[in-house]
Amino acid sequence: MPVSAKKEKVVLAYSGGLDTSVIVRWLEQKGYDVVCFCANVGQEEKYKDLEKKALNSGGSKCYIKDLQEEFARDYVFPAIAWNAKYEGRYLLGTSLARPCIAKAMVDVARKEKAQYIAHGATGKGNDQVRFELTAYALLPGVKVIAPWRDKEFNSQIKGRAEAIEYARKWGIPVKATKKDPWSSDDNLLHISFEAGMLEDPAVRPLDRMFQKTLPLAQVKARRQRISIDFVQGVPVAVDGRKMKAHVLLDHLNKIGFKHGIGRIDMVESRFVGMKSRGVYETPGGTILLAAHQDIEALTVGRDLLHTKYTLGVRWAQMAYFGFWFCEEMDALQAFLASSQRHVTGRVHLELEKGNVLVVGRESEHSLYDAAIASMEADGGAYDQSDATGFIRLQALPLRVAARRAARLAK
């Protein structure tokens, strides 16, 4: 229990679920003044009920902040501009949301002059790292309380059964329905599923689990053609209609849902060292990424494009690990801004039965020159005989190495 006469403040990342509701009361019983913070990053939630539950659970205040536009504009869209996928598959939905949430938590901690922040992330996952690295980067000297890593907390609440009993003891409402055999995390970019039955990587997910994509067997929508406009790598319009970032992403989520677009089932490498199985639905993000890759290929030169691809792998790792607020990330973001200067134009796509097909693209910044690329007579735009010297020069180190091999083989 804090030794000072005045209660020390802690800002808790609060979702209203069983774990964080129990943590509110546990911290309050430890003698802390608990300020709850809930970020709206696009998840479905009854926010008025959430505030009431937070206060009834032991919180002194509850901040609820709508971060949807900031999340889409400052976190999701840069990831799209990087064509970022962790380990080549995961579109980083949860990874991008955590620093957005943690940054807003730090703002509340400053406002409330809180000495601590707390979260309900487990000691085996990535989220604990993401929350805490952000807090330490933005609020040096802050202290972190992570109950699931606390021996006293674990001795009292070992798992779900004990958490339910603790909640009932303190009159904290818990859902009476049987828990689905998995856990999920929802935001504007995606919904993720893990744990429970999914801990066996051989077990097929149940169709009733999915929320943002129709099963392909249920897709009734016919092939749909859409266009997406980009300005310097940022998506700004769908079918010619300009939208705010979060509105555009939500719009594409709805389109992707009815076509069954954006499901991924994968085994990934967590930052803490273990392998884990994750199932993801990212409909709008999947559409945006396909469109951006295509307009970028049209407008960015080969060598810059290849350098960006290499750096993009590193960027995805850093985002996944939680190093959002650091000098390396700042430098990479500066590179991104430079690389996207000419990524402006329109991409035409067709969506059908889980597939995203690019069928056309156009840009005033295009590097494609039909007079040069055409296989027909080029009228002098490209002299094919020049390729002879080009190839001989490229082959020079190969020919030198081959002579050495022949000499040594004698």
Protein backbone atom coordinates (compact mmCIF):
# COMPACT_ATOMS: atom_id res chain seq x y z
CA MET A 1 0.00 0.00 0.00
CA PRO A 2 1.38 3.46 -0.85
CA VAL A 3 3.04 5.03 2.18
CA SER A 4 2.00 8.66 1.58
CA ALA A 5 -1.11 9.99 3.29
CA LYS A 6 -2.47 11.20 0.00
CA LYS A 7 -3.39 8.41 -2.36
CA GLU A 8 -1.04 7.99 -5.28
CA LYS A 9 -2.71 8.07 -8.66
CA VAL A 10 -2.55 5.36 -11.25
CA VAL A 11 -3.98 5.60 -14.79
CA LEU A 12 -5.29 2.21 -15.88
CA ALA A 13 -5.84 1.15 -19.48
CA TYR A 14 -9.46 0.06 -19.01
CA SER A 15 -11.59 -1.97 -21.40
CA GLY A 16 -14.52 -2.87 -19.15
CA GLY A 17 -13.82 -6.56 -19.52
CA LEU A 18 -13.42 -9.01 -16.65
CA ASP A 19 -9.66 -8.58 -16.21
CA THR A 20 -9.48 -4.79 -16.11
CA SER A 21 -12.64 -4.50 -14.00
CA VAL A 22 -11.06 -6.77 -11.42
CA ILE A 23 -7.79 -4.85 -11.64
CA VAL A 24 -9.59 -1.56 -10.87
CA ARG A 25 -10.89 -2.96 -7.60
CA TRP A 26 -7.59 -4.66 -6.75
CA LEU A 27 -5.67 -1.40 -7.22
CA GLU A 28 -8.28 0.52 -5.23
CA GLN A 29 -7.96 -1.98 -2.40
CA LYS A 30 -4.18 -1.54 -2.52
CA GLY A 31 -4.74 2.11 -1.70
CA TYR A 32 -4.39 3.75 -5.10
CA ASP A 33 -6.56 6.45 -6.61
CA VAL A 34 -7.48 4.70 -9.85
CA VAL A 35 -8.17 6.80 -12.94
CA CYS A 36 -9.56 4.63 -15.73
CA PHE A 37 -8.79 5.38 -19.34
CA CYS A 38 -10.63 3.89 -22.31
CA ALA A 39 -9.64 4.64 -25.90
CA ASN A 40 -12.11 4.33 -28.73
CA VAL A 41 -10.02 3.00 -31.61
CA GLY A 42 -13.04 1.67 -33.45
CA GLN A 43 -14.15 -1.21 -31.28
CA GLU A 44 -17.86 -1.67 -30.63
CA GLU A 45 -18.61 -0.58 -27.09
CA LYS A 46 -21.39 0.97 -25.00
CA TYR A 47 -19.31 3.83 -23.64
CA LYS A 48 -21.89 5.27 -21.23
CA ASP A 49 -22.23 1.88 -19.57
CA LEU A 50 -18.45 1.55 -19.55
CA GLU A 51 -17.93 4.73 -17.54
CA LYS A 52 -20.56 3.67 -15.00
CA LYS A 53 -18.96 0.25 -14.66
CA ALA A 54 -15.50 1.75 -14.17
CA LEU A 55 -16.71 3.96 -11.33
CA ASN A 56 -18.69 1.14 -9.72
CA SER A 57 -15.64 -1.11 -9.93
CA GLY A 58 -13.54 1.26 -7.85
CA GLY A 59 -12.31 3.96 -10.22
CA SER A 60 -12.40 7.62 -9.15
CA LYS A 61 -12.65 8.90 -12.73
CA CYS A 62 -13.07 7.49 -16.21
CA TYR A 63 -11.72 9.17 -19.31
CA ILE A 64 -13.11 7.98 -22.64
CA LYS A 65 -11.39 9.40 -25.69
CA ASP A 66 -12.29 8.93 -29.34
CA LEU A 67 -8.99 8.19 -31.12
CA GLN A 68 -10.39 6.75 -34.35
CA GLU A 69 -9.17 9.52 -36.67
CA GLU A 70 -5.76 9.71 -35.03
CA PHE A 71 -5.42 5.92 -35.14
CA ALA A 72 -6.27 5.70 -38.83
CA ARG A 73 -4.34 8.80 -39.93
CA ASP A 74 -1.17 8.56 -37.83
CA TYR A 75 -0.76 4.81 -37.36
CA VAL A 76 -2.72 2.76 -39.90
CA PHE A 77 -2.03 4.87 -42.99
CA PRO A 78 1.75 5.00 -42.43
CA ALA A 79 1.69 1.20 -42.14
CA ILE A 80 -0.18 1.02 -45.45
CA ALA A 81 2.38 3.40 -46.99
CA TRP A 82 5.13 1.01 -45.86
CA ASN A 83 3.17 -1.98 -47.24
CA ALA A 84 3.94 -3.31 -43.78
CA LYS A 85 3.35 -6.92 -42.81
CA TYR A 86 5.03 -8.56 -39.84
CA GLU A 87 6.70 -11.79 -40.95
CA GLY A 88 5.21 -11.21 -44.38
CA ARG A 89 1.58 -11.74 -43.35
CA TYR A 90 0.25 -9.89 -40.29
CA LEU A 91 -1.07 -6.38 -41.00
CA LEU A 92 -0.22 -5.18 -37.47
CA GLY A 93 -3.73 -4.29 -36.28
CA THR A 94 -3.13 -4.62 -32.53
CA SER A 95 0.50 -3.51 -32.81
CA LEU A 96 -0.54 -0.14 -34.25
CA ALA A 97 -3.35 0.46 -31.77
CA ARG A 98 -1.27 0.03 -28.61
CA PRO A 99 1.09 3.03 -29.00
CA CYS A 100 -1.90 5.18 -30.00
CA ILE A 101 -3.70 4.18 -26.81
CA ALA A 102 -0.61 4.42 -24.61
CA LYS A 103 0.22 7.92 -25.90
CA ALA A 104 -3.26 9.11 -24.91
CA MET A 105 -2.84 7.39 -21.52
CA VAL A 106 0.35 9.36 -20.95
CA ASP A 107 -1.54 12.57 -21.72
CA VAL A 108 -4.08 11.67 -19.04
CA ALA A 109 -1.31 10.77 -16.59
CA ARG A 110 0.24 14.21 -17.11
CA LYS A 111 -3.12 15.92 -16.67
CA GLU A 112 -3.88 13.98 -13.51
CA LYS A 113 -0.28 14.23 -12.23
CA ALA A 114 -0.32 10.45 -11.85
CA GLN A 115 2.84 8.66 -10.76
CA TYR A 116 1.83 5.30 -12.22
CA ILE A 117 0.24 3.71 -15.23
CA ALA A 118 -1.23 0.20 -15.23
CA HIS A 119 -2.50 -2.29 -17.79
CA GLY A 120 -4.10 -5.72 -17.92
CA ALA A 121 -1.72 -7.28 -20.45
CA THR A 122 -0.32 -10.69 -19.59
CA GLY A 123 3.34 -11.46 -18.96
CA LYS A 124 3.49 -13.72 -22.02
CA GLY A 125 2.27 -11.30 -24.67
CA ASN A 126 3.46 -8.41 -26.81
CA ASP A 127 1.06 -5.79 -25.47
CA GLN A 128 2.85 -5.38 -22.14
CA VAL A 129 5.97 -4.33 -24.06
CA ARG A 130 4.09 -1.95 -26.36
CA PHE A 131 2.31 -0.16 -23.52
CA GLU A 132 5.39 0.17 -21.37
CA LEU A 133 7.90 1.19 -24.05
CA THR A 134 5.55 3.99 -25.10
CA ALA A 135 5.09 5.13 -21.51
CA TYR A 136 8.81 5.14 -20.77
CA ALA A 137 9.58 7.00 -24.01
CA LEU A 138 6.99 9.72 -23.48
CA LEU A 139 6.95 10.03 -19.68
CA PRO A 140 10.43 9.37 -18.26
CA GLY A 141 10.28 8.35 -14.62
CA VAL A 142 6.78 6.88 -14.81
CA LYS A 143 6.20 3.73 -12.78
CA VAL A 144 4.34 0.78 -14.25
CA ILE A 145 1.99 -1.62 -12.49
CA ALA A 146 1.37 -4.86 -14.38
CA PRO A 147 -0.87 -6.99 -12.10
CA TRP A 148 -0.53 -10.19 -14.15
CA ARG A 149 3.21 -10.06 -13.41
CA ASP A 150 2.60 -9.31 -9.71
CA LYS A 151 3.04 -12.27 -7.35
CA GLU A 152 0.50 -10.95 -4.86
CA PHE A 153 -2.12 -10.51 -7.58
CA ASN A 154 -1.37 -13.95 -9.04
CA SER A 155 -1.65 -15.62 -5.64
CA GLN A 156 -5.17 -14.24 -5.31
CA ILE A 157 -6.32 -14.34 -8.93
CA LYS A 158 -4.74 -17.22 -10.82
CA GLY A 159 -7.10 -17.26 -13.76
CA ARG A 160 -10.60 -16.65 -15.07
CA ALA A 161 -12.43 -18.64 -12.39
CA GLU A 162 -10.80 -16.68 -9.56
CA ALA A 163 -11.37 -13.40 -11.43
CA ILE A 164 -15.10 -14.16 -11.74
CA GLU A 165 -15.30 -15.02 -8.04
CA TYR A 166 -13.45 -11.82 -7.11
CA ALA A 167 -15.78 -9.75 -9.31
CA ARG A 168 -18.87 -11.26 -7.74
CA LYS A 169 -17.46 -10.65 -4.26
CA TRP A 170 -17.21 -6.94 -5.01
CA GLY A 171 -20.45 -6.67 -6.97
CA ILE A 172 -18.76 -6.16 -10.34
CA PRO A 173 -21.11 -7.35 -13.11
CA VAL A 174 -19.79 -10.23 -15.22
CA LYS A 175 -21.37 -11.84 -18.25
CA ALA A 176 -23.28 -14.96 -17.30
CA THR A 177 -23.04 -16.52 -20.75
CA LYS A 178 -20.53 -19.26 -21.48
CA LYS A 179 -17.22 -17.85 -22.66
CA ASP A 180 -16.29 -18.49 -26.26
CA PRO A 181 -13.21 -20.73 -26.46
CA TRP A 182 -10.96 -17.87 -27.64
CA SER A 183 -10.14 -14.25 -26.81
CA SER A 184 -10.43 -11.31 -29.19
CA ASP A 185 -9.28 -7.72 -29.59
CA ASP A 186 -11.14 -5.36 -31.90
CA ASN A 187 -10.28 -2.02 -33.49
CA LEU A 188 -10.94 -0.06 -36.68
CA LEU A 189 -8.24 -1.91 -38.63
CA HIS A 190 -8.88 -5.48 -37.59
CA ILE A 191 -10.08 -7.99 -35.05
CA SER A 192 -7.69 -10.59 -33.68
CA PHE A 193 -8.39 -13.97 -32.10
CA GLU A 194 -6.10 -16.11 -29.99
CA ALA A 195 -5.94 -18.47 -26.99
CA GLY A 196 -8.41 -21.16 -26.01
CA MET A 197 -9.10 -23.62 -28.80
CA LEU A 198 -6.76 -21.66 -31.09
CA GLU A 199 -3.74 -22.66 -29.00
CA ASP A 200 -3.75 -25.89 -31.00
CA PRO A 201 -2.40 -24.70 -34.37
CA ALA A 202 -4.05 -27.68 -36.09
CA VAL A 203 -7.60 -26.75 -35.01
CA ARG A 204 -9.72 -24.97 -37.59
CA PRO A 205 -11.38 -21.73 -36.39
CA LEU A 206 -15.16 -21.84 -36.15
CA ASP A 207 -17.09 -19.75 -38.65
CA ARG A 208 -19.15 -18.21 -35.85
CA MET A 209 -15.95 -16.66 -34.49
CA PHE A 210 -15.52 -14.21 -37.37
CA GLN A 211 -17.04 -10.73 -37.24
CA LYS A 212 -15.53 -8.57 -39.98
CA THR A 213 -15.57 -11.00 -42.92
CA LEU A 214 -18.28 -13.28 -44.26
CA PRO A 215 -17.32 -16.93 -44.75
CA LEU A 216 -16.79 -17.44 -48.49
CA ALA A 217 -19.64 -19.95 -48.57
CA GLN A 218 -21.99 -17.16 -47.42
CA VAL A 219 -20.74 -14.47 -49.81
CA LYS A 220 -23.61 -13.44 -52.10
CA ALA A 221 -22.13 -10.20 -53.40
CA ARG A 222 -21.24 -10.08 -57.08
CA ARG A 223 -17.91 -8.84 -58.38
CA GLN A 224 -17.54 -5.18 -57.40
CA ARG A 225 -15.26 -2.60 -58.98
CA ILE A 226 -13.97 0.27 -56.87
CA SER A 227 -11.28 2.93 -57.17
CA ILE A 228 -9.01 4.36 -54.48
CA ASP A 229 -7.21 7.71 -54.78
CA PHE A 230 -3.85 8.34 -53.10
CA VAL A 231 -2.02 11.62 -52.48
CA GLN A 232 1.65 11.16 -51.54
CA GLY A 233 0.97 7.63 -50.35
CA VAL A 234 -2.10 8.52 -48.28
CA PRO A 235 -5.53 7.17 -49.29
CA VAL A 236 -7.93 10.09 -49.59
CA ALA A 237 -10.96 8.93 -51.60
CA VAL A 238 -12.97 5.87 -52.62
CA ASP A 239 -14.84 5.99 -55.93
CA GLY A 240 -14.00 9.68 -56.17
CA ARG A 241 -15.55 10.55 -52.81
CA LYS A 242 -13.13 12.17 -50.37
CA MET A 243 -13.35 10.99 -46.77
CA LYS A 244 -11.62 11.44 -43.44
CA ALA A 245 -9.14 8.70 -42.63
CA HIS A 246 -11.28 6.73 -40.18
CA VAL A 247 -14.41 7.08 -42.36
CA LEU A 248 -12.53 5.79 -45.41
CA LEU A 249 -11.16 2.78 -43.51
CA ASP A 250 -14.58 1.97 -42.06
CA HIS A 251 -16.14 2.28 -45.52
CA LEU A 252 -13.67 -0.23 -46.96
CA ASN A 253 -14.22 -2.53 -43.98
CA LYS A 254 -17.91 -2.72 -44.86
CA ILE A 255 -17.16 -3.41 -48.51
CA GLY A 256 -14.57 -6.03 -47.61
CA PHE A 257 -16.93 -7.71 -45.17
CA LYS A 258 -19.52 -8.63 -47.77
CA HIS A 259 -16.84 -10.04 -50.10
CA GLY A 260 -15.13 -12.12 -47.38
CA ILE A 261 -11.83 -10.27 -47.78
CA GLY A 262 -8.98 -10.17 -45.27
CA ARG A 263 -8.76 -13.38 -43.22
CA ILE A 264 -5.37 -14.61 -42.04
CA ASP A 265 -4.59 -17.65 -39.87
CA MET A 266 -0.91 -17.81 -38.93
CA VAL A 267 1.73 -18.81 -36.43
CA GLU A 268 3.90 -15.83 -35.54
CA SER A 269 6.99 -15.07 -33.46
CA ARG A 270 6.16 -12.98 -30.40
CA PHE A 271 8.70 -10.41 -29.21
CA VAL A 272 9.06 -12.23 -25.88
CA GLY A 273 10.38 -15.27 -27.74
CA MET A 274 7.58 -17.80 -28.08
CA LYS A 275 5.53 -18.84 -31.07
CA SER A 276 1.82 -18.06 -30.98
CA ARG A 277 -1.14 -18.68 -33.24
CA GLY A 278 -3.20 -15.68 -34.32
CA VAL A 279 -6.29 -15.41 -36.48
CA TYR A 280 -7.05 -12.01 -37.98
CA GLU A 281 -9.70 -10.22 -40.02
CA THR A 282 -8.48 -7.07 -41.79
CA PRO A 283 -10.86 -6.33 -44.68
CA GLY A 284 -10.27 -2.62 -45.35
CA GLY A 285 -6.56 -2.83 -44.66
CA THR A 286 -6.16 -5.70 -47.11
CA ILE A 287 -7.84 -3.68 -49.86
CA LEU A 288 -5.79 -0.57 -49.11
CA LEU A 289 -2.51 -2.44 -49.06
CA ALA A 290 -3.13 -4.03 -52.46
CA ALA A 291 -4.00 -0.64 -53.93
CA HIS A 292 -1.03 1.16 -52.40
CA GLN A 293 1.50 -1.43 -53.51
CA ASP A 294 0.26 -1.01 -57.06
CA ILE A 295 0.28 2.79 -57.26
CA GLU A 296 3.71 2.81 -55.63
CA ALA A 297 5.06 0.36 -58.23
CA LEU A 298 3.88 2.78 -60.94
CA THR A 299 5.39 5.92 -59.45
CA VAL A 300 8.55 4.94 -57.51
CA GLY A 301 11.84 4.03 -59.17
CA ARG A 302 13.31 0.54 -58.93
CA ASP A 303 16.22 1.18 -56.56
CA LEU A 304 14.21 3.34 -54.15
CA LEU A 305 11.41 0.77 -54.22
CA HIS A 306 13.82 -2.04 -53.36
CA THR A 307 15.48 -0.05 -50.57
CA LYS A 308 12.08 0.77 -49.14
CA TYR A 309 11.10 -2.90 -49.20
CA THR A 310 14.16 -3.80 -47.12
CA LEU A 311 13.53 -1.00 -44.63
CA GLY A 312 9.84 -1.91 -44.51
CA VAL A 313 10.68 -5.28 -43.01
CA ARG A 314 12.52 -3.50 -40.21
CA TRP A 315 9.69 -0.98 -39.76
CA ALA A 316 7.15 -3.79 -39.36
CA GLN A 317 9.37 -5.45 -36.75
CA MET A 318 9.69 -2.23 -34.76
CA ALA A 319 5.96 -1.57 -34.90
CA TYR A 320 5.23 -5.12 -33.78
CA PHE A 321 7.79 -4.99 -30.96
CA GLY A 322 6.50 -1.64 -29.65
CA PHE A 323 9.32 0.75 -30.58
CA TRP A 324 7.03 3.41 -32.03
CA PHE A 325 8.51 6.40 -30.20
CA CYS A 326 12.25 6.21 -30.78
CA GLU A 327 14.92 7.81 -32.96
CA GLU A 328 15.12 4.91 -35.40
CA MET A 329 11.40 5.05 -36.04
CA ASP A 330 11.58 8.83 -36.51
CA ALA A 331 14.31 8.35 -39.12
CA LEU A 332 12.33 5.66 -40.93
CA GLN A 333 9.24 7.87 -40.99
CA ALA A 334 11.30 10.66 -42.54
CA PHE A 335 12.46 8.23 -45.22
CA LEU A 336 8.86 7.16 -45.79
CA ALA A 337 7.71 10.74 -46.34
CA SER A 338 10.44 11.27 -48.93
CA SER A 339 9.71 7.98 -50.69
CA GLN A 340 6.01 8.82 -51.05
CA ARG A 341 6.42 12.24 -52.70
CA HIS A 342 5.22 10.95 -56.08
CA VAL A 343 2.84 8.23 -54.90
CA THR A 344 -0.25 10.04 -56.13
CA GLY A 345 -2.88 8.58 -58.42
CA ARG A 346 -5.85 6.27 -58.73
CA VAL A 347 -6.04 2.47 -58.54
CA HIS A 348 -8.93 0.43 -59.90
CA LEU A 349 -9.72 -2.85 -58.15
CA GLU A 350 -12.19 -5.70 -58.46
CA LEU A 351 -13.39 -7.51 -55.34
CA GLU A 352 -14.83 -10.98 -55.52
CA LYS A 353 -15.08 -14.03 -53.22
CA GLY A 354 -12.23 -13.09 -50.89
CA ASN A 355 -10.00 -11.78 -53.67
CA VAL A 356 -8.64 -8.29 -54.30
CA LEU A 357 -7.54 -7.85 -57.92
CA VAL A 358 -5.91 -4.69 -59.24
CA VAL A 359 -7.23 -4.11 -62.78
CA GLY A 360 -5.85 -0.67 -63.59
CA ARG A 361 -3.90 2.31 -62.34
CA GLU A 362 -3.26 5.91 -63.45
CA SER A 363 -1.06 8.76 -62.26
CA GLU A 364 0.44 12.02 -63.49
CA HIS A 365 3.59 10.88 -61.68
CA SER A 366 3.81 7.59 -63.59
CA LEU A 367 7.26 6.28 -64.52
CA TYR A 368 5.73 3.92 -67.05
CA ASP A 369 6.56 4.95 -70.62
CA ALA A 370 4.71 2.92 -73.24
CA ALA A 371 7.09 4.10 -75.95
CA ILE A 372 9.98 2.50 -74.08
CA ALA A 373 8.23 -0.56 -72.67
CA SER A 374 6.33 -1.57 -75.81
CA MET A 375 7.33 -4.82 -77.51
CA GLU A 376 6.28 -3.27 -80.80
CA ALA A 377 8.50 -1.02 -82.93
CA ASP A 378 9.71 1.70 -80.55
CA GLY A 379 10.56 4.46 -83.02
CA GLY A 380 13.98 5.05 -81.48
CA ALA A 381 12.86 5.43 -77.84
CA TYR A 382 14.92 2.41 -76.85
CA ASP A 383 17.79 0.86 -78.81
CA GLN A 384 17.69 -2.87 -78.07
CA SER A 385 21.29 -3.33 -79.20
CA ASP A 386 22.39 -1.30 -76.15
CA ALA A 387 21.42 -4.31 -74.00
CA THR A 388 24.40 -6.26 -75.39
CA GLY A 389 26.98 -4.08 -73.66
CA PHE A 390 24.82 -3.78 -70.56
CA ILE A 391 24.64 -7.54 -70.15
CA ARG A 392 28.38 -8.01 -70.79
CA LEU A 393 29.18 -5.48 -68.06
CA GLN A 394 26.79 -7.17 -65.63
CA ALA A 395 28.37 -10.51 -66.46
CA LEU A 396 31.94 -9.32 -65.93
CA PRO A 397 32.29 -10.55 -62.30
CA LEU A 398 30.59 -13.81 -63.28
CA ARG A 399 33.08 -14.40 -66.10
CA VAL A 400 36.05 -13.55 -63.87
CA ALA A 401 34.82 -15.96 -61.17
CA ALA A 402 34.24 -18.66 -63.78
CA ARG A 403 37.84 -18.33 -65.05
CA ARG A 404 39.16 -18.66 -61.51
CA ALA A 405 37.04 -21.79 -60.94
CA ALA A 406 38.34 -23.30 -64.17
CA ARG A 407 41.92 -22.47 -63.25
CA LEU A 408 41.66 -24.02 -59.79
CA ALA A 409 39.99 -27.11 -61.18
CA LYS A 410 43.08 -27.99 -63.29
